Amino acid sequence: MSFEQYLNSLGPEKINTYAKRDYVDNGYGAGGYYTTAERPNVAFGSSVGIGKNPNAPGRTKQYAGYGGYRDSEGNFLGYGSDPNSLYNNSPDLQRQYTEYVQNEPQRKAQELKNQQLAAEYARLQQEAIAQQRTQDLPTLANFNPAPQMGGGLMGQQPMQQQQQMPQPMQPMQQQQPMQQQGGGLINYTHRGNMGGVGGAGGLHRGGLIAPSGSNGGGQ
């Protein structure tokens, strides 16, 4: 990897720093001159801004500007107008670049290992998801369909319907006794002009009619 490629990986950005010049009067009333300002001593890796030219119009000689670079996080990389001058003017950046190149094989091996681990982790996740879906499917052992509401096998009725079927009616306890054969009492009511055995017609309510041959009626 070249230094320029390494520099581009840092997200470089050009900046300007300024140093104020001293003005020296020549003492003869003919004016004076500005001294050469030393370049600001900005530490490597310190946070710096882009910087703006502080010179007011007509007084551009009051400050001396020095171009440099900072990384994407705003850390100072060194002075220079291009990558080559930056490399020459920044011993700290040279050392950092040299260490990066020396460690590049180990770093690439680690990056490859990380990629393999990430792929293996993704595969295990997919297997776990597929296994969970398989476990969630119903099996014959635990499959329990809902009971049919419309009846079971042919000729059979559902249990619920069988429980709700009406019970057969019990014989009435107060049924009137059948007429006895060979003589007995008959308990019933005559309405109308029908005559009883051995008696005149009329209405008999719940009366007892003696059978033929008894003392209660004639032939």
Protein backbone atom coordinates (compact mmCIF):
# COMPACT_ATOMS: atom_id res chain seq x y z
CA MET A 1 0.00 0.00 0.00
CA SER A 2 1.37 3.38 -1.00
CA PHE A 3 1.40 6.35 1.34
CA GLU A 4 -1.20 8.12 -0.75
CA GLN A 5 -3.52 5.14 -0.51
CA TYR A 6 -3.00 5.06 3.23
CA LEU A 7 -3.69 8.78 3.45
CA ASN A 8 -6.92 8.39 1.49
CA SER A 9 -8.04 5.70 3.93
CA LEU A 10 -7.84 8.31 6.71
CA GLY A 11 -10.32 10.64 4.99
CA PRO A 12 -7.89 13.58 4.66
CA GLU A 13 -9.03 17.18 4.51
CA LYS A 14 -6.93 20.23 3.78
CA ILE A 15 -6.73 22.95 6.39
CA ASN A 16 -5.00 26.29 6.86
CA THR A 17 -3.24 27.61 9.93
CA TYR A 18 -2.11 31.18 10.32
CA ALA A 19 0.63 32.92 12.26
CA LYS A 20 0.75 36.67 12.84
CA ARG A 21 3.73 38.58 11.48
CA ASP A 22 5.55 41.24 13.42
CA TYR A 23 5.79 44.67 11.83
CA VAL A 24 9.11 46.46 12.01
CA ASP A 25 9.33 50.22 11.43
CA ASN A 26 12.55 51.33 9.77
CA GLY A 27 12.54 54.50 11.83
CA TYR A 28 12.94 56.86 8.94
CA GLY A 29 9.25 57.48 8.34
CA ALA A 30 9.44 55.61 5.12
CA GLY A 31 7.49 52.66 6.38
CA GLY A 32 8.55 49.28 7.62
CA TYR A 33 8.19 45.61 6.95
CA TYR A 34 6.61 42.45 8.38
CA THR A 35 8.79 39.76 9.79
CA THR A 36 8.57 36.12 8.82
CA ALA A 37 6.16 34.33 11.12
CA GLU A 38 7.07 30.91 12.33
CA ARG A 39 4.76 28.08 11.50
CA PRO A 40 2.39 27.32 14.37
CA ASN A 41 3.47 24.33 16.42
CA VAL A 42 0.39 22.13 16.17
CA ALA A 43 0.82 18.72 17.78
CA PHE A 44 0.21 15.60 15.72
CA GLY A 45 -3.25 14.16 16.39
CA SER A 46 -4.61 17.30 18.08
CA SER A 47 -8.06 18.54 17.12
CA VAL A 48 -7.94 21.40 14.61
CA GLY A 49 -10.42 23.34 12.49
CA ILE A 50 -10.24 24.14 8.82
CA GLY A 51 -9.19 27.73 9.52
CA LYS A 52 -10.07 30.91 7.66
CA ASN A 53 -7.81 33.68 6.47
CA PRO A 54 -7.89 36.31 9.21
CA ASN A 55 -6.35 38.99 6.99
CA ALA A 56 -8.57 41.96 6.39
CA PRO A 57 -8.70 43.52 2.92
CA GLY A 58 -5.58 45.66 2.31
CA ARG A 59 -3.68 44.08 5.19
CA THR A 60 -2.93 40.65 3.83
CA LYS A 61 0.68 40.69 5.03
CA GLN A 62 -0.19 40.66 8.73
CA TYR A 63 -0.59 36.87 8.84
CA ALA A 64 1.30 34.03 7.26
CA GLY A 65 -0.72 30.97 6.21
CA TYR A 66 0.44 27.38 6.33
CA GLY A 67 -1.45 24.57 4.71
CA GLY A 68 -1.83 21.16 6.24
CA TYR A 69 -4.07 18.10 6.62
CA ARG A 70 -6.40 16.64 9.17
CA ASP A 71 -8.21 13.27 9.14
CA SER A 72 -11.95 12.61 9.00
CA GLU A 73 -12.20 12.99 12.78
CA GLY A 74 -10.52 16.40 12.82
CA ASN A 75 -7.13 15.19 14.09
CA PHE A 76 -4.07 17.04 12.78
CA LEU A 77 -1.86 15.00 10.44
CA GLY A 78 0.82 17.53 9.57
CA TYR A 79 1.74 20.38 7.29
CA GLY A 80 2.01 20.14 3.54
CA SER A 81 0.36 21.22 0.33
CA ASP A 82 0.19 17.68 -1.11
CA PRO A 83 0.70 14.08 0.08
CA ASN A 84 4.45 14.10 -0.66
CA SER A 85 5.17 17.28 1.30
CA LEU A 86 2.91 16.05 4.09
CA TYR A 87 4.93 12.83 4.33
CA ASN A 88 8.20 14.75 4.49
CA ASN A 89 6.93 17.26 7.08
CA SER A 90 5.27 14.83 9.45
CA PRO A 91 7.61 12.26 11.07
CA ASP A 92 4.77 11.01 13.27
CA LEU A 93 2.64 10.25 10.25
CA GLN A 94 5.60 8.47 8.62
CA ARG A 95 5.96 6.18 11.64
CA GLN A 96 2.23 5.48 11.73
CA TYR A 97 2.23 4.58 8.04
CA THR A 98 5.27 2.27 8.44
CA GLU A 99 3.62 0.37 11.29
CA TYR A 100 0.44 0.02 9.28
CA VAL A 101 2.30 -1.53 6.34
CA GLN A 102 4.25 -3.92 8.58
CA ASN A 103 1.07 -5.14 10.24
CA GLU A 104 -0.87 -5.45 6.99
CA PRO A 105 -0.43 -9.27 6.58
CA GLN A 106 -1.65 -9.94 10.12
CA ARG A 107 -4.44 -7.46 9.65
CA LYS A 108 -5.59 -9.06 6.41
CA ALA A 109 -5.50 -12.48 8.03
CA GLN A 110 -7.58 -11.18 10.91
CA GLU A 111 -10.04 -9.55 8.51
CA LEU A 112 -10.39 -12.85 6.62
CA LYS A 113 -10.95 -14.70 9.89
CA ASN A 114 -13.58 -12.17 10.92
CA GLN A 115 -15.36 -12.65 7.60
CA GLN A 116 -15.33 -16.43 8.03
CA LEU A 117 -16.65 -16.13 11.57
CA ALA A 118 -19.40 -13.81 10.39
CA ALA A 119 -20.38 -16.26 7.63
CA GLU A 120 -20.39 -19.19 10.09
CA TYR A 121 -22.49 -17.21 12.54
CA ALA A 122 -25.00 -16.38 9.81
CA ARG A 123 -25.18 -20.08 8.82
CA LEU A 124 -25.81 -21.16 12.41
CA GLN A 125 -28.54 -18.57 12.73
CA GLN A 126 -30.28 -19.91 9.61
CA GLU A 127 -30.04 -23.49 10.91
CA ALA A 128 -31.46 -22.47 14.28
CA ILE A 129 -34.38 -20.70 12.59
CA ALA A 130 -35.09 -23.72 10.37
CA GLN A 131 -34.93 -26.09 13.36
CA GLN A 132 -37.31 -23.91 15.36
CA ARG A 133 -39.79 -23.87 12.49
CA THR A 134 -39.60 -27.68 12.29
CA GLN A 135 -40.28 -28.03 16.02
CA ASP A 136 -43.29 -25.74 15.75
CA LEU A 137 -45.00 -27.98 13.15
CA PRO A 138 -47.74 -30.32 14.54
CA THR A 139 -46.93 -34.04 14.73
CA LEU A 140 -49.16 -37.11 14.76
CA ALA A 141 -48.47 -37.53 18.47
CA ASN A 142 -49.78 -34.15 19.51
CA PHE A 143 -52.25 -33.54 16.69
CA ASN A 144 -55.70 -33.10 18.31
CA PRO A 145 -58.33 -31.93 15.83
CA ALA A 146 -61.45 -30.29 17.10
CA PRO A 147 -64.47 -32.66 17.56
CA GLN A 148 -66.95 -32.73 14.69
CA MET A 149 -70.15 -30.86 15.40
CA GLY A 150 -72.22 -32.53 12.68
CA GLY A 151 -72.08 -36.11 13.92
CA GLY A 152 -69.60 -38.95 13.96
CA LEU A 153 -69.69 -42.26 12.08
CA MET A 154 -72.69 -43.34 10.09
CA GLY A 155 -75.51 -44.57 12.28
CA GLN A 156 -74.15 -42.81 15.34
CA GLN A 157 -75.12 -39.51 16.85
CA PRO A 158 -72.78 -37.13 18.66
CA MET A 159 -72.56 -37.59 22.42
CA GLN A 160 -73.91 -34.11 23.01
CA GLN A 161 -76.98 -34.81 20.89
CA GLN A 162 -77.52 -38.15 22.61
CA GLN A 163 -77.55 -36.44 25.98
CA GLN A 164 -80.10 -33.92 24.76
CA MET A 165 -82.54 -36.48 23.25
CA PRO A 166 -85.90 -36.52 25.01
CA GLN A 167 -86.49 -39.39 27.41
CA PRO A 168 -89.39 -41.77 26.67
CA MET A 169 -92.55 -40.80 28.44
CA GLN A 170 -93.31 -42.74 31.59
CA PRO A 171 -96.74 -44.40 31.89
CA MET A 172 -99.22 -42.20 33.63
CA GLN A 173 -99.68 -43.25 37.21
CA GLN A 174 -103.36 -42.29 37.29
CA GLN A 175 -104.55 -44.23 34.28
CA GLN A 176 -108.06 -45.62 34.64
CA PRO A 177 -108.14 -49.37 35.24
CA MET A 178 -109.22 -51.59 32.47
CA GLN A 179 -112.62 -53.28 32.76
CA GLN A 180 -112.27 -56.39 34.79
CA GLN A 181 -113.24 -59.63 33.24
CA GLY A 182 -115.65 -61.74 35.18
CA GLY A 183 -117.19 -59.00 37.23
CA GLY A 184 -115.74 -55.90 38.77
CA LEU A 185 -116.25 -52.23 39.23
CA ILE A 186 -115.99 -49.80 36.34
CA ASN A 187 -115.12 -46.20 37.21
CA TYR A 188 -116.19 -43.84 34.42
CA THR A 189 -118.70 -41.06 33.74
CA HIS A 190 -121.83 -41.22 31.66
CA ARG A 191 -122.96 -38.12 29.88
CA GLY A 192 -126.25 -38.05 27.94
CA ASN A 193 -129.37 -40.24 27.87
CA MET A 194 -127.56 -43.52 27.76
CA GLY A 195 -128.97 -45.82 30.41
CA GLY A 196 -126.98 -47.91 32.71
CA VAL A 197 -127.40 -51.58 33.17
CA GLY A 198 -130.62 -52.19 35.07
CA GLY A 199 -131.25 -48.48 35.61
CA ALA A 200 -132.88 -45.48 33.96
CA GLY A 201 -131.00 -43.17 31.66
CA GLY A 202 -129.36 -40.08 33.06
CA LEU A 203 -126.06 -38.58 34.06
CA HIS A 204 -123.90 -40.54 36.38
CA ARG A 205 -120.67 -38.89 37.61
CA GLY A 206 -118.14 -41.25 38.82
CA GLY A 207 -120.83 -43.62 40.09
CA LEU A 208 -120.42 -47.26 40.64
CA ILE A 209 -122.53 -49.52 38.46
CA ALA A 210 -123.06 -52.98 39.79
CA PRO A 211 -122.70 -55.82 37.35
CA SER A 212 -125.69 -57.76 36.13
CA GLY A 213 -127.25 -60.05 38.71
CA SER A 214 -126.50 -57.92 41.71
CA ASN A 215 -129.02 -56.38 44.02
CA GLY A 216 -128.68 -52.99 42.46
CA GLY A 217 -130.55 -53.61 39.22
CA GLY A 218 -133.19 -55.78 37.57
CA GLN A 219 -133.20 -57.92 34.51
